[in-house]
Amino acid sequence: MRRIAVWASGSGTNAERLTHYFREKQSAEVAVILSNRPGAYVLERARSLGVHAALFPNAAFRQGSELLAFHQQMRIEYIILAGFLLKVPDSIVEVYEGKIINLHPALLPAFGGRGMYGMHVHRAVIDAGVKESGITIHLVNREYDEGEILFQASCPVMASDTPESLADRIHQLEYLHYPVIVEKRILGSEE
C-alpha cells in the first residue's frame, strides 16, 4: 500500500476527505498529516482521525533537509498538498519528482502564482468578471502552480457571487475530485 503525507496549513477538510477516501478504498494510506502552523486545526483533525500529526516550523519547510529525512524515515512515497501555503523546497521536489500533487482553487494557468491562494483567488476571479472558475489538480515543480496539469473541473461564477459563495462551490469540486485523481495518479504510476 502506498504511503502518503498530506501537507496542510489550515482547517484540513481536504486532508480529512483524503484520509477517509483511502481508508475505504485501501489503495493508499495517509501515514502522516503535516502542517507549518502550530494553531492549524488540521493537526487536531489528524489526531481525531488517528493519523500521525507532525508540525514543522516554516524554517524547516524552507530549508528542507530535516523534512526530507522525516519523509524518508516515514517511508513516504507521495506528498499531497491540501491547502498548504508555502513553496515546496527544491530539495523535496527533486527527490519526489512526479510524486507531489497540489490542488489549486482556480483554472490554471489563470489566477495562479505566488500569493494566489484561498480567498485571494476567489476575489481575483470575481473582480476579473470571468464566467467560470474551478479547480486544477497538478504536479508540483520548482515554480508556483506551473507543474503538469492532471485534471480540471469547472463551475459557473454567478453575478451574485461573493468570494465565500464561490469558495463553497469550489470546495464541492475539491471534495468530489481530489481523492479520485490522487488515487489515479498513484495507481497509474505502479503500471
Protein backbone atom coordinates (compact mmCIF):
# COMPACT_ATOMS: atom_id res chain seq x y z
CA MET A 1 0.00 0.00 0.00
CA ARG A 2 1.32 3.43 -0.98
CA ARG A 3 2.19 5.77 1.91
CA ILE A 4 1.07 9.37 1.60
CA ALA A 5 1.97 12.53 3.50
CA VAL A 6 -0.64 15.27 3.39
CA TRP A 7 0.60 18.82 3.92
CA ALA A 8 -1.93 21.44 5.05
CA SER A 9 -1.86 24.90 6.61
CA GLY A 10 -5.50 25.39 7.58
CA SER A 11 -8.54 23.53 8.82
CA GLY A 12 -7.85 20.32 6.91
CA THR A 13 -11.17 19.41 5.31
CA ASN A 14 -9.40 18.04 2.22
CA ALA A 15 -6.92 16.16 4.41
CA GLU A 16 -9.87 14.56 6.19
CA ARG A 17 -11.55 13.66 2.87
CA LEU A 18 -8.34 12.08 1.59
CA THR A 19 -7.93 10.07 4.80
CA HIS A 20 -11.49 8.70 4.69
CA TYR A 21 -11.29 8.00 0.97
CA PHE A 22 -8.11 5.95 1.21
CA ARG A 23 -9.27 4.09 4.30
CA GLU A 24 -12.33 2.99 2.36
CA LYS A 25 -10.50 2.18 -0.89
CA GLN A 26 -7.40 0.70 0.77
CA SER A 27 -5.29 1.70 -2.23
CA ALA A 28 -3.06 4.02 -0.17
CA GLU A 29 -2.62 5.17 3.40
CA VAL A 30 -2.43 8.71 4.74
CA ALA A 31 0.50 7.96 7.03
CA VAL A 32 1.06 11.49 8.29
CA ILE A 33 -0.53 14.93 8.11
CA LEU A 34 1.96 17.78 8.39
CA SER A 35 1.47 21.47 8.98
CA ASN A 36 3.67 24.52 9.22
CA ARG A 37 1.26 26.34 11.54
CA PRO A 38 1.06 25.43 15.25
CA GLY A 39 -2.57 26.56 15.53
CA ALA A 40 -3.80 24.91 12.33
CA TYR A 41 -6.94 22.90 13.00
CA VAL A 42 -5.68 20.23 10.59
CA LEU A 43 -3.37 18.96 13.37
CA GLU A 44 -6.32 18.39 15.70
CA ARG A 45 -8.26 16.86 12.83
CA ALA A 46 -5.35 14.45 12.17
CA ARG A 47 -5.31 13.38 15.82
CA SER A 48 -9.07 12.78 15.82
CA LEU A 49 -8.65 10.66 12.68
CA GLY A 50 -5.91 8.63 14.34
CA VAL A 51 -3.32 9.85 11.81
CA HIS A 52 0.19 10.84 12.89
CA ALA A 53 0.25 14.66 13.10
CA ALA A 54 3.55 16.49 12.62
CA LEU A 55 4.40 20.15 12.97
CA PHE A 56 7.40 21.62 11.18
CA PRO A 57 8.06 25.35 11.51
CA ASN A 58 8.29 27.45 8.35
CA ALA A 59 12.09 27.47 8.55
CA ALA A 60 12.19 23.66 8.39
CA PHE A 61 9.90 23.65 5.36
CA ARG A 62 12.03 26.25 3.60
CA GLN A 63 15.32 24.51 4.42
CA GLY A 64 14.09 21.04 3.52
CA SER A 65 16.72 18.59 4.80
CA GLU A 66 15.03 17.79 8.15
CA LEU A 67 11.71 17.47 6.35
CA LEU A 68 13.19 15.16 3.73
CA ALA A 69 14.77 12.97 6.40
CA PHE A 70 11.40 12.75 8.19
CA HIS A 71 9.63 11.67 4.98
CA GLN A 72 12.26 9.05 4.27
CA GLN A 73 12.06 7.73 7.85
CA MET A 74 8.25 7.51 7.49
CA ARG A 75 8.67 5.74 4.10
CA ILE A 76 6.51 8.36 2.37
CA GLU A 77 6.04 7.75 -1.35
CA TYR A 78 3.72 10.64 -2.28
CA ILE A 79 3.16 14.15 -0.94
CA ILE A 80 -0.31 15.60 -1.33
CA LEU A 81 -0.82 19.32 -0.73
CA ALA A 82 -4.22 20.20 0.72
CA GLY A 83 -4.31 23.92 1.36
CA PHE A 84 -0.59 24.18 2.02
CA LEU A 85 0.64 27.75 1.61
CA LEU A 86 4.43 27.55 1.46
CA LYS A 87 6.52 26.80 -1.61
CA VAL A 88 7.80 23.23 -1.60
CA PRO A 89 11.61 23.24 -1.19
CA ASP A 90 13.57 22.36 -4.33
CA SER A 91 15.30 19.51 -2.50
CA ILE A 92 11.91 17.86 -1.83
CA VAL A 93 10.71 18.49 -5.40
CA GLU A 94 13.87 16.85 -6.71
CA VAL A 95 13.52 13.68 -4.62
CA TYR A 96 9.74 13.41 -5.09
CA GLU A 97 9.61 14.49 -8.74
CA GLY A 98 6.26 13.49 -10.22
CA LYS A 99 5.02 12.46 -6.78
CA ILE A 100 3.88 15.77 -5.28
CA ILE A 101 0.31 16.73 -6.12
CA ASN A 102 -1.34 20.09 -5.47
CA LEU A 103 -4.92 21.30 -5.60
CA HIS A 104 -5.42 24.88 -6.82
CA PRO A 105 -8.81 26.64 -6.44
CA ALA A 106 -8.94 28.08 -9.97
CA LEU A 107 -8.46 27.03 -13.56
CA LEU A 108 -4.73 27.35 -14.12
CA PRO A 109 -2.85 28.98 -15.71
CA ALA A 110 -5.24 31.80 -14.79
CA PHE A 111 -5.22 33.05 -11.21
CA GLY A 112 -2.12 31.14 -10.18
CA GLY A 113 1.31 32.01 -8.85
CA ARG A 114 2.76 33.45 -5.70
CA GLY A 115 0.13 34.88 -3.34
CA MET A 116 -2.77 33.29 -5.18
CA TYR A 117 -4.46 31.02 -2.66
CA GLY A 118 -7.79 30.72 -0.90
CA MET A 119 -9.97 33.81 -0.83
CA HIS A 120 -7.33 35.81 -2.73
CA VAL A 121 -8.03 33.60 -5.75
CA HIS A 122 -11.82 33.83 -5.43
CA ARG A 123 -11.71 37.64 -5.08
CA ALA A 124 -9.46 37.90 -8.15
CA VAL A 125 -11.78 35.65 -10.17
CA ILE A 126 -14.84 37.74 -9.25
CA ASP A 127 -13.00 41.06 -9.79
CA ALA A 128 -11.90 39.88 -13.25
CA GLY A 129 -15.51 39.25 -14.23
CA VAL A 130 -14.87 35.77 -15.61
CA LYS A 131 -17.87 33.50 -16.06
CA GLU A 132 -16.19 30.26 -14.98
CA SER A 133 -13.83 29.08 -12.27
CA GLY A 134 -12.97 25.69 -10.87
CA ILE A 135 -10.14 23.53 -9.64
CA THR A 136 -6.84 22.41 -11.06
CA ILE A 137 -5.05 19.32 -9.78
CA HIS A 138 -1.42 19.41 -10.86
CA LEU A 139 2.04 18.08 -10.16
CA VAL A 140 4.37 20.36 -8.24
CA ASN A 141 7.59 21.58 -9.78
CA ARG A 142 10.01 24.34 -8.79
CA GLU A 143 7.62 27.15 -9.80
CA TYR A 144 4.31 28.15 -8.20
CA ASP A 145 1.36 26.49 -9.96
CA GLU A 146 3.27 25.60 -13.13
CA GLY A 147 3.52 21.81 -12.86
CA GLU A 148 1.84 19.40 -15.26
CA ILE A 149 -1.95 19.62 -15.06
CA LEU A 150 -3.55 16.28 -14.21
CA PHE A 151 -7.19 17.36 -14.08
CA GLN A 152 -9.51 20.37 -14.14
CA ALA A 153 -13.19 20.76 -13.28
CA SER A 154 -15.20 23.93 -13.65
CA CYS A 155 -18.23 25.66 -12.20
CA PRO A 156 -20.02 28.88 -13.12
CA VAL A 157 -19.24 32.22 -11.50
CA MET A 158 -22.58 33.87 -10.75
CA ALA A 159 -23.18 37.61 -10.92
CA SER A 160 -24.29 37.47 -7.28
CA ASP A 161 -21.21 35.56 -6.06
CA THR A 162 -19.12 36.65 -3.14
CA PRO A 163 -15.69 35.10 -2.58
CA GLU A 164 -17.30 32.94 0.11
CA SER A 165 -20.14 31.63 -2.07
CA LEU A 166 -17.73 30.86 -4.90
CA ALA A 167 -15.42 29.13 -2.41
CA ASP A 168 -18.30 26.89 -1.32
CA ARG A 169 -18.83 25.68 -4.91
CA ILE A 170 -15.10 25.22 -5.43
CA HIS A 171 -14.88 23.15 -2.21
CA GLN A 172 -17.56 20.80 -3.53
CA LEU A 173 -15.46 20.21 -6.66
CA GLU A 174 -12.40 19.60 -4.49
CA TYR A 175 -14.15 17.05 -2.29
CA LEU A 176 -15.59 15.23 -5.29
CA HIS A 177 -12.49 15.06 -7.47
CA TYR A 178 -9.26 15.40 -5.46
CA PRO A 179 -9.13 11.95 -3.82
CA VAL A 180 -10.09 10.22 -7.09
CA ILE A 181 -7.42 11.98 -9.16
CA VAL A 182 -4.77 11.40 -6.48
CA GLU A 183 -5.64 7.70 -6.46
CA LYS A 184 -5.49 7.50 -10.27
CA ARG A 185 -2.04 9.12 -10.25
CA ILE A 186 -0.75 6.79 -7.54
CA LEU A 187 -2.13 3.64 -9.11
CA GLY A 188 -1.14 4.75 -12.61
CA SER A 189 2.46 5.12 -11.51
CA GLU A 190 2.51 1.45 -10.45
CA GLU A 191 1.95 0.24 -14.02
